[in-house]
Amino acid sequence: MLEAPDATDLLATAREALLEKLLPALPPALHYEARMAANAIAIASRATAADPAPAEARLRTLAGDAATFAARIRAGEFRPGMPRHAEAAALLAEMTRLRCSVSAPRALRGT
């Protein structure tokens, strides 16, 4: 059986080719767009590697879904001093770390 490269490998190869081979061959007027495409590929690669399942499971246990969770936060159900405040705060922190790990990993440096 042949082993096929996974999506992360394919995206890494495409990004490398774009930055190392195509970008230098492009006119300077197109460098910004090429770098934007390379950044989009990097984000897509991180998104394929991220595992939202643990956070989604905790969300379902705590509130059912994101819309209900948000409504319950707005209603004050998870404010400090409420029984499930710590659980809600931990879930929000986990969701933020997950989102940043995909779209802004530098924001997580030093945390």
PDB file of N, CA and C in Angstrom:
ATOM      1  N   MET A   1       0.840  -1.184   0.000  1.00  0.00           N
ATOM      2  CA  MET A   1       0.000   0.000   0.000  1.00  0.00           C
ATOM      3  C   MET A   1       0.884   1.247   0.000  1.00  0.00           C
ATOM      4  N   LEU A   2       0.549   2.192  -0.832  1.00  0.00           N
ATOM      5  CA  LEU A   2       1.308   3.437  -0.899  1.00  0.00           C
ATOM      6  C   LEU A   2       0.864   4.382   0.199  1.00  0.00           C
ATOM      7  N   GLU A   3       1.830   5.043   0.790  1.00  0.00           N
ATOM      8  CA  GLU A   3       1.505   6.050   1.791  1.00  0.00           C
ATOM      9  C   GLU A   3       1.388   7.396   1.100  1.00  0.00           C
ATOM     10  N   ALA A   4       0.254   7.997   1.255  1.00  0.00           N
ATOM     11  CA  ALA A   4       0.025   9.316   0.659  1.00  0.00           C
ATOM     12  C   ALA A   4       0.428  10.387   1.673  1.00  0.00           C
ATOM     13  N   PRO A   5       0.940  11.500   1.220  1.00  0.00           N
ATOM     14  CA  PRO A   5       1.232  12.580   2.167  1.00  0.00           C
ATOM     15  C   PRO A   5      -0.075  13.104   2.760  1.00  0.00           C
ATOM     16  N   ASP A   6       0.003  13.522   4.011  1.00  0.00           N
ATOM     17  CA  ASP A   6      -1.205  14.069   4.617  1.00  0.00           C
ATOM     18  C   ASP A   6      -1.350  15.547   4.262  1.00  0.00           C
ATOM     19  N   ALA A   7      -2.465  16.112   4.633  1.00  0.00           N
ATOM     20  CA  ALA A   7      -2.769  17.501   4.266  1.00  0.00           C
ATOM     21  C   ALA A   7      -1.719  18.468   4.799  1.00  0.00           C
ATOM     22  N   THR A   8      -1.244  18.232   6.017  1.00  0.00           N
ATOM     23  CA  THR A   8      -0.240  19.124   6.599  1.00  0.00           C
ATOM     24  C   THR A   8       1.034  19.110   5.767  1.00  0.00           C
ATOM     25  N   ASP A   9       1.469  17.919   5.334  1.00  0.00           N
ATOM     26  CA  ASP A   9       2.668  17.821   4.499  1.00  0.00           C
ATOM     27  C   ASP A   9       2.473  18.525   3.155  1.00  0.00           C
ATOM     28  N   LEU A  10       1.316  18.323   2.550  1.00  0.00           N
ATOM     29  CA  LEU A  10       1.043  18.968   1.263  1.00  0.00           C
ATOM     30  C   LEU A  10       1.040  20.482   1.390  1.00  0.00           C
ATOM     31  N   LEU A  11       0.421  20.981   2.444  1.00  0.00           N
ATOM     32  CA  LEU A  11       0.386  22.429   2.652  1.00  0.00           C
ATOM     33  C   LEU A  11       1.787  22.980   2.905  1.00  0.00           C
ATOM     34  N   ALA A  12       2.585  22.273   3.677  1.00  0.00           N
ATOM     35  CA  ALA A  12       3.958  22.720   3.947  1.00  0.00           C
ATOM     36  C   ALA A  12       4.780  22.758   2.661  1.00  0.00           C
ATOM     37  N   THR A  13       4.613  21.755   1.818  1.00  0.00           N
ATOM     38  CA  THR A  13       5.333  21.708   0.545  1.00  0.00           C
ATOM     39  C   THR A  13       4.900  22.856  -0.366  1.00  0.00           C
ATOM     40  N   ALA A  14       3.604  23.108  -0.411  1.00  0.00           N
ATOM     41  CA  ALA A  14       3.099  24.198  -1.247  1.00  0.00           C
ATOM     42  C   ALA A  14       3.610  25.548  -0.747  1.00  0.00           C
ATOM     43  N   ARG A  15       3.611  25.743   0.566  1.00  0.00           N
ATOM     44  CA  ARG A  15       4.080  27.015   1.129  1.00  0.00           C
ATOM     45  C   ARG A  15       5.569  27.212   0.841  1.00  0.00           C
ATOM     46  N   GLU A  16       6.328  26.157   1.021  1.00  0.00           N
ATOM     47  CA  GLU A  16       7.766  26.228   0.751  1.00  0.00           C
ATOM     48  C   GLU A  16       8.027  26.586  -0.713  1.00  0.00           C
ATOM     49  N   ALA A  17       7.317  25.937  -1.630  1.00  0.00           N
ATOM     50  CA  ALA A  17       7.499  26.231  -3.053  1.00  0.00           C
ATOM     51  C   ALA A  17       7.116  27.678  -3.359  1.00  0.00           C
ATOM     52  N   LEU A  18       6.033  28.134  -2.768  1.00  0.00           N
ATOM     53  CA  LEU A  18       5.593  29.510  -2.999  1.00  0.00           C
ATOM     54  C   LEU A  18       6.640  30.507  -2.524  1.00  0.00           C
ATOM     55  N   LEU A  19       7.145  30.316  -1.308  1.00  0.00           N
ATOM     56  CA  LEU A  19       8.088  31.282  -0.742  1.00  0.00           C
ATOM     57  C   LEU A  19       9.493  31.179  -1.318  1.00  0.00           C
ATOM     58  N   GLU A  20       9.946  29.958  -1.589  1.00  0.00           N
ATOM     59  CA  GLU A  20      11.339  29.786  -1.997  1.00  0.00           C
ATOM     60  C   GLU A  20      11.555  29.790  -3.506  1.00  0.00           C
ATOM     61  N   LYS A  21      10.548  29.373  -4.265  1.00  0.00           N
ATOM     62  CA  LYS A  21      10.745  29.289  -5.712  1.00  0.00           C
ATOM     63  C   LYS A  21       9.921  30.317  -6.483  1.00  0.00           C
ATOM     64  N   LEU A  22       8.660  30.433  -6.139  1.00  0.00           N
ATOM     65  CA  LEU A  22       7.792  31.325  -6.915  1.00  0.00           C
ATOM     66  C   LEU A  22       7.966  32.788  -6.535  1.00  0.00           C
ATOM     67  N   LEU A  23       8.008  33.090  -5.243  1.00  0.00           N
ATOM     68  CA  LEU A  23       8.121  34.482  -4.811  1.00  0.00           C
ATOM     69  C   LEU A  23       9.320  35.194  -5.433  1.00  0.00           C
ATOM     70  N   PRO A  24      10.519  34.585  -5.412  1.00  0.00           N
ATOM     71  CA  PRO A  24      11.656  35.274  -6.030  1.00  0.00           C
ATOM     72  C   PRO A  24      11.481  35.519  -7.536  1.00  0.00           C
ATOM     73  N   ALA A  25      10.671  34.696  -8.192  1.00  0.00           N
ATOM     74  CA  ALA A  25      10.472  34.845  -9.635  1.00  0.00           C
ATOM     75  C   ALA A  25       9.375  35.856  -9.967  1.00  0.00           C
ATOM     76  N   LEU A  26       8.599  36.236  -8.977  1.00  0.00           N
ATOM     77  CA  LEU A  26       7.504  37.183  -9.212  1.00  0.00           C
ATOM     78  C   LEU A  26       8.015  38.614  -9.207  1.00  0.00           C
ATOM     79  N   PRO A  27       7.331  39.483  -9.927  1.00  0.00           N
ATOM     80  CA  PRO A  27       7.697  40.890  -9.851  1.00  0.00           C
ATOM     81  C   PRO A  27       7.381  41.414  -8.444  1.00  0.00           C
ATOM     82  N   PRO A  28       8.146  42.371  -7.962  1.00  0.00           N
ATOM     83  CA  PRO A  28       7.932  42.903  -6.616  1.00  0.00           C
ATOM     84  C   PRO A  28       6.493  43.367  -6.346  1.00  0.00           C
ATOM     85  N   ALA A  29       5.808  43.795  -7.374  1.00  0.00           N
ATOM     86  CA  ALA A  29       4.430  44.260  -7.194  1.00  0.00           C
ATOM     87  C   ALA A  29       3.501  43.133  -6.731  1.00  0.00           C
ATOM     88  N   LEU A  30       3.908  41.873  -6.900  1.00  0.00           N
ATOM     89  CA  LEU A  30       3.076  40.740  -6.499  1.00  0.00           C
ATOM     90  C   LEU A  30       3.574  40.041  -5.229  1.00  0.00           C
ATOM     91  N   HIS A  31       4.639  40.544  -4.633  1.00  0.00           N
ATOM     92  CA  HIS A  31       5.194  39.896  -3.441  1.00  0.00           C
ATOM     93  C   HIS A  31       4.205  39.908  -2.271  1.00  0.00           C
ATOM     94  N   TYR A  32       3.521  40.998  -2.064  1.00  0.00           N
ATOM     95  CA  TYR A  32       2.573  41.083  -0.952  1.00  0.00           C
ATOM     96  C   TYR A  32       1.497  40.001  -1.076  1.00  0.00           C
ATOM     97  N   GLU A  33       0.917  39.864  -2.258  1.00  0.00           N
ATOM     98  CA  GLU A  33      -0.118  38.862  -2.481  1.00  0.00           C
ATOM     99  C   GLU A  33       0.423  37.447  -2.286  1.00  0.00           C
ATOM    100  N   ALA A  34       1.644  37.202  -2.747  1.00  0.00           N
ATOM    101  CA  ALA A  34       2.243  35.877  -2.588  1.00  0.00           C
ATOM    102  C   ALA A  34       2.479  35.571  -1.110  1.00  0.00           C
ATOM    103  N   ARG A  35       2.917  36.565  -0.351  1.00  0.00           N
ATOM    104  CA  ARG A  35       3.123  36.357   1.089  1.00  0.00           C
ATOM    105  C   ARG A  35       1.785  36.151   1.808  1.00  0.00           C
ATOM    106  N   MET A  36       0.750  36.844   1.367  1.00  0.00           N
ATOM    107  CA  MET A  36      -0.580  36.620   1.944  1.00  0.00           C
ATOM    108  C   MET A  36      -1.027  35.186   1.686  1.00  0.00           C
ATOM    109  N   ALA A  37      -0.807  34.692   0.477  1.00  0.00           N
ATOM    110  CA  ALA A  37      -1.168  33.308   0.157  1.00  0.00           C
ATOM    111  C   ALA A  37      -0.354  32.333   1.010  1.00  0.00           C
ATOM    112  N   ALA A  38       0.931  32.618   1.206  1.00  0.00           N
ATOM    113  CA  ALA A  38       1.769  31.757   2.049  1.00  0.00           C
ATOM    114  C   ALA A  38       1.266  31.759   3.487  1.00  0.00           C
ATOM    115  N   ASN A  39       0.847  32.914   3.985  1.00  0.00           N
ATOM    116  CA  ASN A  39       0.303  32.982   5.340  1.00  0.00           C
ATOM    117  C   ASN A  39      -1.005  32.216   5.436  1.00  0.00           C
ATOM    118  N   ALA A  40      -1.841  32.298   4.428  1.00  0.00           N
ATOM    119  CA  ALA A  40      -3.098  31.542   4.420  1.00  0.00           C
ATOM    120  C   ALA A  40      -2.818  30.042   4.442  1.00  0.00           C
ATOM    121  N   ILE A  41      -1.814  29.614   3.714  1.00  0.00           N
ATOM    122  CA  ILE A  41      -1.435  28.197   3.712  1.00  0.00           C
ATOM    123  C   ILE A  41      -0.965  27.787   5.109  1.00  0.00           C
ATOM    124  N   ALA A  42      -0.180  28.637   5.763  1.00  0.00           N
ATOM    125  CA  ALA A  42       0.296  28.319   7.115  1.00  0.00           C
ATOM    126  C   ALA A  42      -0.874  28.197   8.090  1.00  0.00           C
ATOM    127  N   ILE A  43      -1.840  29.092   7.984  1.00  0.00           N
ATOM    128  CA  ILE A  43      -3.020  29.035   8.853  1.00  0.00           C
ATOM    129  C   ILE A  43      -3.807  27.757   8.581  1.00  0.00           C
ATOM    130  N   ALA A  44      -3.995  27.425   7.317  1.00  0.00           N
ATOM    131  CA  ALA A  44      -4.717  26.195   6.967  1.00  0.00           C
ATOM    132  C   ALA A  44      -3.994  24.967   7.500  1.00  0.00           C
ATOM    133  N   SER A  45      -2.672  24.975   7.452  1.00  0.00           N
ATOM    134  CA  SER A  45      -1.891  23.857   7.968  1.00  0.00           C
ATOM    135  C   SER A  45      -2.085  23.705   9.474  1.00  0.00           C
ATOM    136  N   ARG A  46      -2.044  24.815  10.197  1.00  0.00           N
ATOM    137  CA  ARG A  46      -2.267  24.752  11.640  1.00  0.00           C
ATOM    138  C   ARG A  46      -3.694  24.320  11.959  1.00  0.00           C
ATOM    139  N   ALA A  47      -4.643  24.727  11.136  1.00  0.00           N
ATOM    140  CA  ALA A  47      -6.039  24.349  11.358  1.00  0.00           C
ATOM    141  C   ALA A  47      -6.238  22.851  11.187  1.00  0.00           C
ATOM    142  N   THR A  48      -5.537  22.243  10.243  1.00  0.00           N
ATOM    143  CA  THR A  48      -5.679  20.801  10.056  1.00  0.00           C
ATOM    144  C   THR A  48      -5.064  20.029  11.217  1.00  0.00           C
ATOM    145  N   ALA A  49      -4.088  20.633  11.894  1.00  0.00           N
ATOM    146  CA  ALA A  49      -3.420  19.964  13.017  1.00  0.00           C
ATOM    147  C   ALA A  49      -4.143  20.188  14.345  1.00  0.00           C
ATOM    148  N   ALA A  50      -4.970  21.218  14.426  1.00  0.00           N
ATOM    149  CA  ALA A  50      -5.661  21.543  15.684  1.00  0.00           C
ATOM    150  C   ALA A  50      -6.743  20.503  15.970  1.00  0.00           C
ATOM    151  N   ASP A  51      -6.924  20.211  17.236  1.00  0.00           N
ATOM    152  CA  ASP A  51      -7.959  19.254  17.637  1.00  0.00           C
ATOM    153  C   ASP A  51      -8.963  19.951  18.547  1.00  0.00           C
ATOM    154  N   PRO A  52     -10.087  20.393  17.995  1.00  0.00           N
ATOM    155  CA  PRO A  52     -11.076  21.087  18.810  1.00  0.00           C
ATOM    156  C   PRO A  52     -11.971  20.156  19.623  1.00  0.00           C
ATOM    157  N   ALA A  53     -11.849  18.843  19.433  1.00  0.00           N
ATOM    158  CA  ALA A  53     -12.770  17.894  20.075  1.00  0.00           C
ATOM    159  C   ALA A  53     -12.841  18.028  21.591  1.00  0.00           C
ATOM    160  N   PRO A  54     -11.718  18.147  22.319  1.00  0.00           N
ATOM    161  CA  PRO A  54     -11.837  18.274  23.772  1.00  0.00           C
ATOM    162  C   PRO A  54     -12.612  19.524  24.203  1.00  0.00           C
ATOM    163  N   ALA A  55     -12.335  20.655  23.571  1.00  0.00           N
ATOM    164  CA  ALA A  55     -13.056  21.891  23.919  1.00  0.00           C
ATOM    165  C   ALA A  55     -14.529  21.768  23.541  1.00  0.00           C
ATOM    166  N   GLU A  56     -14.810  21.180  22.397  1.00  0.00           N
ATOM    167  CA  GLU A  56     -16.202  21.005  21.978  1.00  0.00           C
ATOM    168  C   GLU A  56     -16.958  20.103  22.938  1.00  0.00           C
ATOM    169  N   ALA A  57     -16.306  19.067  23.446  1.00  0.00           N
ATOM    170  CA  ALA A  57     -16.952  18.166  24.406  1.00  0.00           C
ATOM    171  C   ALA A  57     -17.274  18.906  25.701  1.00  0.00           C
ATOM    172  N   ARG A  58     -16.325  19.714  26.182  1.00  0.00           N
ATOM    173  CA  ARG A  58     -16.585  20.495  27.403  1.00  0.00           C
ATOM    174  C   ARG A  58     -17.688  21.515  27.180  1.00  0.00           C
ATOM    175  N   LEU A  59     -17.702  22.109  25.994  1.00  0.00           N
ATOM    176  CA  LEU A  59     -18.756  23.070  25.666  1.00  0.00           C
ATOM    177  C   LEU A  59     -20.122  22.395  25.700  1.00  0.00           C
ATOM    178  N   ARG A  60     -20.229  21.227  25.088  1.00  0.00           N
ATOM    179  CA  ARG A  60     -21.506  20.502  25.089  1.00  0.00           C
ATOM    180  C   ARG A  60     -21.946  20.175  26.517  1.00  0.00           C
ATOM    181  N   THR A  61     -21.005  19.779  27.355  1.00  0.00           N
ATOM    182  CA  THR A  61     -21.330  19.437  28.737  1.00  0.00           C
ATOM    183  C   THR A  61     -21.784  20.668  29.523  1.00  0.00           C
ATOM    184  N   LEU A  62     -21.120  21.781  29.305  1.00  0.00           N
ATOM    185  CA  LEU A  62     -21.405  22.988  30.074  1.00  0.00           C
ATOM    186  C   LEU A  62     -22.648  23.716  29.597  1.00  0.00           C
ATOM    187  N   ALA A  63     -22.820  23.820  28.272  1.00  0.00           N
ATOM    188  CA  ALA A  63     -23.899  24.676  27.774  1.00  0.00           C
ATOM    189  C   ALA A  63     -24.631  24.136  26.555  1.00  0.00           C
ATOM    190  N   GLY A  64     -24.179  23.064  25.971  1.00  0.00           N
ATOM    191  CA  GLY A  64     -24.845  22.537  24.787  1.00  0.00           C
ATOM    192  C   GLY A  64     -24.173  22.963  23.503  1.00  0.00           C
ATOM    193  N   ASP A  65     -24.158  24.256  23.243  1.00  0.00           N
ATOM    194  CA  ASP A  65     -23.516  24.768  22.027  1.00  0.00           C
ATOM    195  C   ASP A  65     -23.010  26.185  22.284  1.00  0.00           C
ATOM    196  N   ALA A  66     -22.279  26.722  21.311  1.00  0.00           N
ATOM    197  CA  ALA A  66     -21.652  28.034  21.479  1.00  0.00           C
ATOM    198  C   ALA A  66     -22.676  29.147  21.653  1.00  0.00           C
ATOM    199  N   ALA A  67     -23.756  29.095  20.906  1.00  0.00           N
ATOM    200  CA  ALA A  67     -24.771  30.158  21.012  1.00  0.00           C
ATOM    201  C   ALA A  67     -25.410  30.165  22.400  1.00  0.00           C
ATOM    202  N   THR A  68     -25.702  28.995  22.929  1.00  0.00           N
ATOM    203  CA  THR A  68     -26.286  28.904  24.270  1.00  0.00           C
ATOM    204  C   THR A  68     -25.279  29.354  25.317  1.00  0.00           C
ATOM    205  N   PHE A  69     -24.025  28.962  25.143  1.00  0.00           N
ATOM    206  CA  PHE A  69     -22.967  29.380  26.064  1.00  0.00           C
ATOM    207  C   PHE A  69     -22.870  30.903  26.089  1.00  0.00           C
ATOM    208  N   ALA A  70     -22.843  31.520  24.916  1.00  0.00           N
ATOM    209  CA  ALA A  70     -22.760  32.978  24.840  1.00  0.00           C
ATOM    210  C   ALA A  70     -23.968  33.637  25.501  1.00  0.00           C
ATOM    211  N   ALA A  71     -25.143  33.104  25.262  1.00  0.00           N
ATOM    212  CA  ALA A  71     -26.355  33.672  25.864  1.00  0.00           C
ATOM    213  C   ALA A  71     -26.308  33.555  27.385  1.00  0.00           C
ATOM    214  N   ARG A  72     -25.815  32.440  27.871  1.00  0.00           N
ATOM    215  CA  ARG A  72     -25.733  32.241  29.320  1.00  0.00           C
ATOM    216  C   ARG A  72     -24.678  33.152  29.941  1.00  0.00           C
ATOM    217  N   ILE A  73     -23.589  33.403  29.211  1.00  0.00           N
ATOM    218  CA  ILE A  73     -22.584  34.364  29.692  1.00  0.00           C
ATOM    219  C   ILE A  73     -23.216  35.750  29.778  1.00  0.00           C
ATOM    220  N   ARG A  74     -23.907  36.159  28.702  1.00  0.00           N
ATOM    221  CA  ARG A  74     -24.554  37.484  28.699  1.00  0.00           C
ATOM    222  C   ARG A  74     -25.588  37.613  29.810  1.00  0.00           C
ATOM    223  N   ALA A  75     -26.235  36.508  30.147  1.00  0.00           N
ATOM    224  CA  ALA A  75     -27.249  36.526  31.206  1.00  0.00           C
ATOM    225  C   ALA A  75     -26.620  36.534  32.596  1.00  0.00           C
ATOM    226  N   GLY A  76     -25.310  36.400  32.679  1.00  0.00           N
ATOM    227  CA  GLY A  76     -24.623  36.461  33.961  1.00  0.00           C
ATOM    228  C   GLY A  76     -24.530  35.147  34.698  1.00  0.00           C
ATOM    229  N   GLU A  77     -24.845  34.049  34.049  1.00  0.00           N
ATOM    230  CA  GLU A  77     -24.846  32.748  34.724  1.00  0.00           C
ATOM    231  C   GLU A  77     -23.458  32.263  35.136  1.00  0.00           C
ATOM    232  N   PHE A  78     -22.402  32.796  34.515  1.00  0.00           N
ATOM    233  CA  PHE A  78     -21.057  32.323  34.816  1.00  0.00           C
ATOM    234  C   PHE A  78     -20.183  33.411  35.428  1.00  0.00           C
ATOM    235  N   ARG A  79     -20.781  34.469  35.936  1.00  0.00           N
ATOM    236  CA  ARG A  79     -19.974  35.547  36.511  1.00  0.00           C
ATOM    237  C   ARG A  79     -19.279  35.041  37.780  1.00  0.00           C
ATOM    238  N   PRO A  80     -18.219  35.752  38.212  1.00  0.00           N
ATOM    239  CA  PRO A  80     -17.497  35.323  39.416  1.00  0.00           C
ATOM    240  C   PRO A  80     -18.451  35.119  40.592  1.00  0.00           C
ATOM    241  N   GLY A  81     -18.202  34.061  41.318  1.00  0.00           N
ATOM    242  CA  GLY A  81     -19.042  33.726  42.454  1.00  0.00           C
ATOM    243  C   GLY A  81     -20.150  32.744  42.126  1.00  0.00           C
ATOM    244  N   MET A  82     -20.427  32.563  40.838  1.00  0.00           N
ATOM    245  CA  MET A  82     -21.456  31.603  40.434  1.00  0.00           C
ATOM    246  C   MET A  82     -20.839  30.193  40.444  1.00  0.00           C
ATOM    247  N   PRO A  83     -21.668  29.177  40.639  1.00  0.00           N
ATOM    248  CA  PRO A  83     -21.149  27.807  40.802  1.00  0.00           C
ATOM    249  C   PRO A  83     -20.238  27.306  39.677  1.00  0.00           C
ATOM    250  N   ARG A  84     -20.491  27.659  38.426  1.00  0.00           N
ATOM    251  CA  ARG A  84     -19.702  27.097  37.328  1.00  0.00           C
ATOM    252  C   ARG A  84     -18.793  28.143  36.673  1.00  0.00           C
ATOM    253  N   HIS A  85     -18.510  29.215  37.415  1.00  0.00           N
ATOM    254  CA  HIS A  85     -17.654  30.280  36.877  1.00  0.00           C
ATOM    255  C   HIS A  85     -16.283  29.743  36.454  1.00  0.00           C
ATOM    256  N   ALA A  86     -15.618  28.993  37.333  1.00  0.00           N
ATOM    257  CA  ALA A  86     -14.267  28.499  37.029  1.00  0.00           C
ATOM    258  C   ALA A  86     -14.276  27.600  35.797  1.00  0.00           C
ATOM    259  N   GLU A  87     -15.287  26.776  35.688  1.00  0.00           N
ATOM    260  CA  GLU A  87     -15.395  25.875  34.536  1.00  0.00           C
ATOM    261  C   GLU A  87     -15.587  26.670  33.233  1.00  0.00           C
ATOM    262  N   ALA A  88     -16.441  27.686  33.285  1.00  0.00           N
ATOM    263  CA  ALA A  88     -16.682  28.524  32.101  1.00  0.00           C
ATOM    264  C   ALA A  88     -15.433  29.318  31.739  1.00  0.00           C
ATOM    265  N   ALA A  89     -14.749  29.869  32.749  1.00  0.00           N
ATOM    266  CA  ALA A  89     -13.526  30.632  32.484  1.00  0.00           C
ATOM    267  C   ALA A  89     -12.451  29.739  31.874  1.00  0.00           C
ATOM    268  N   ALA A  90     -12.319  28.524  32.378  1.00  0.00           N
ATOM    269  CA  ALA A  90     -11.326  27.589  31.827  1.00  0.00           C
ATOM    270  C   ALA A  90     -11.666  27.229  30.383  1.00  0.00           C
ATOM    271  N   LEU A  91     -12.948  27.038  30.098  1.00  0.00           N
ATOM    272  CA  LEU A  91     -13.356  26.724  28.732  1.00  0.00           C
ATOM    273  C   LEU A  91     -13.069  27.894  27.795  1.00  0.00           C
ATOM    274  N   LEU A  92     -13.382  29.102  28.225  1.00  0.00           N
ATOM    275  CA  LEU A  92     -13.092  30.283  27.394  1.00  0.00           C
ATOM    276  C   LEU A  92     -11.595  30.408  27.131  1.00  0.00           C
ATOM    277  N   ALA A  93     -10.772  30.154  28.139  1.00  0.00           N
ATOM    278  CA  ALA A  93      -9.318  30.211  27.953  1.00  0.00           C
ATOM    279  C   ALA A  93      -8.866  29.136  26.967  1.00  0.00           C
ATOM    280  N   GLU A  94      -9.424  27.933  27.092  1.00  0.00           N
ATOM    281  CA  GLU A  94      -9.067  26.852  26.170  1.00  0.00           C
ATOM    282  C   GLU A  94      -9.482  27.182  24.734  1.00  0.00           C
ATOM    283  N   MET A  95     -10.680  27.733  24.571  1.00  0.00           N
ATOM    284  CA  MET A  95     -11.152  28.108  23.236  1.00  0.00           C
ATOM    285  C   MET A  95     -10.273  29.199  22.632  1.00  0.00           C
ATOM    286  N   THR A  96      -9.851  30.143  23.464  1.00  0.00           N
ATOM    287  CA  THR A  96      -8.979  31.225  22.996  1.00  0.00           C
ATOM    288  C   THR A  96      -7.621  30.681  22.578  1.00  0.00           C
ATOM    289  N   ARG A  97      -7.043  29.797  23.404  1.00  0.00           N
ATOM    290  CA  ARG A  97      -5.750  29.195  23.041  1.00  0.00           C
ATOM    291  C   ARG A  97      -5.858  28.418  21.736  1.00  0.00           C
ATOM    292  N   LEU A  98      -6.939  27.668  21.571  1.00  0.00           N
ATOM    293  CA  LEU A  98      -7.131  26.894  20.345  1.00  0.00           C
ATOM    294  C   LEU A  98      -7.215  27.816  19.133  1.00  0.00           C
ATOM    295  N   ARG A  99      -8.013  28.869  19.234  1.00  0.00           N
ATOM    296  CA  ARG A  99      -8.152  29.809  18.117  1.00  0.00           C
ATOM    297  C   ARG A  99      -6.818  30.487  17.812  1.00  0.00           C
ATOM    298  N   CYS A 100      -6.106  30.920  18.855  1.00  0.00           N
ATOM    299  CA  CYS A 100      -4.816  31.578  18.640  1.00  0.00           C
ATOM    300  C   CYS A 100      -3.785  30.613  18.071  1.00  0.00           C
ATOM    301  N   SER A 101      -3.839  29.342  18.458  1.00  0.00           N
ATOM    302  CA  SER A 101      -2.869  28.378  17.934  1.00  0.00           C
ATOM    303  C   SER A 101      -2.997  28.233  16.428  1.00  0.00           C
ATOM    304  N   VAL A 102      -4.156  28.537  15.901  1.00  0.00           N
ATOM    305  CA  VAL A 102      -4.378  28.460  14.453  1.00  0.00           C
ATOM    306  C   VAL A 102      -4.088  29.789  13.784  1.00  0.00           C
ATOM    307  N   SER A 103      -4.689  30.866  14.288  1.00  0.00           N
ATOM    308  CA  SER A 103      -4.625  32.132  13.559  1.00  0.00           C
ATOM    309  C   SER A 103      -3.531  33.083  14.019  1.00  0.00           C
ATOM    310  N   ALA A 104      -3.065  32.949  15.257  1.00  0.00           N
ATOM    311  CA  ALA A 104      -2.055  33.882  15.765  1.00  0.00           C
ATOM    312  C   ALA A 104      -1.149  33.206  16.798  1.00  0.00           C
ATOM    313  N   PRO A 105      -0.373  32.199  16.402  1.00  0.00           N
ATOM    314  CA  PRO A 105       0.416  31.451  17.382  1.00  0.00           C
ATOM    315  C   PRO A 105       1.434  32.302  18.139  1.00  0.00           C
ATOM    316  N   ARG A 106       1.895  33.387  17.542  1.00  0.00           N
ATOM    317  CA  ARG A 106       2.838  34.258  18.252  1.00  0.00           C
ATOM    318  C   ARG A 106       2.213  34.875  19.492  1.00  0.00           C
ATOM    319  N   ALA A 107       0.892  35.011  19.495  1.00  0.00           N
ATOM    320  CA  ALA A 107       0.205  35.575  20.662  1.00  0.00           C
ATOM    321  C   ALA A 107       0.324  34.653  21.867  1.00  0.00           C
ATOM    322  N   LEU A 108       0.631  33.382  21.643  1.00  0.00           N
ATOM    323  CA  LEU A 108       0.738  32.414  22.734  1.00  0.00           C
ATOM    324  C   LEU A 108       2.136  32.296  23.305  1.00  0.00           C
ATOM    325  N   ARG A 109       3.099  32.929  22.689  1.00  0.00           N
ATOM    326  CA  ARG A 109       4.474  32.838  23.186  1.00  0.00           C
ATOM    327  C   ARG A 109       4.534  33.438  24.591  1.00  0.00           C
ATOM    328  N   GLY A 110       5.171  32.699  25.463  1.00  0.00           N
ATOM    329  CA  GLY A 110       5.342  33.177  26.833  1.00  0.00           C
ATOM    330  C   GLY A 110       4.141  32.900  27.726  1.00  0.00           C
ATOM    331  N   THR A 111       3.145  32.144  27.210  1.00  0.00           N
ATOM    332  CA  THR A 111       1.986  31.827  28.065  1.00  0.00           C
ATOM    333  C   THR A 111       2.105  30.437  28.614  1.00  0.00           C
TER     334      THR A 111
END
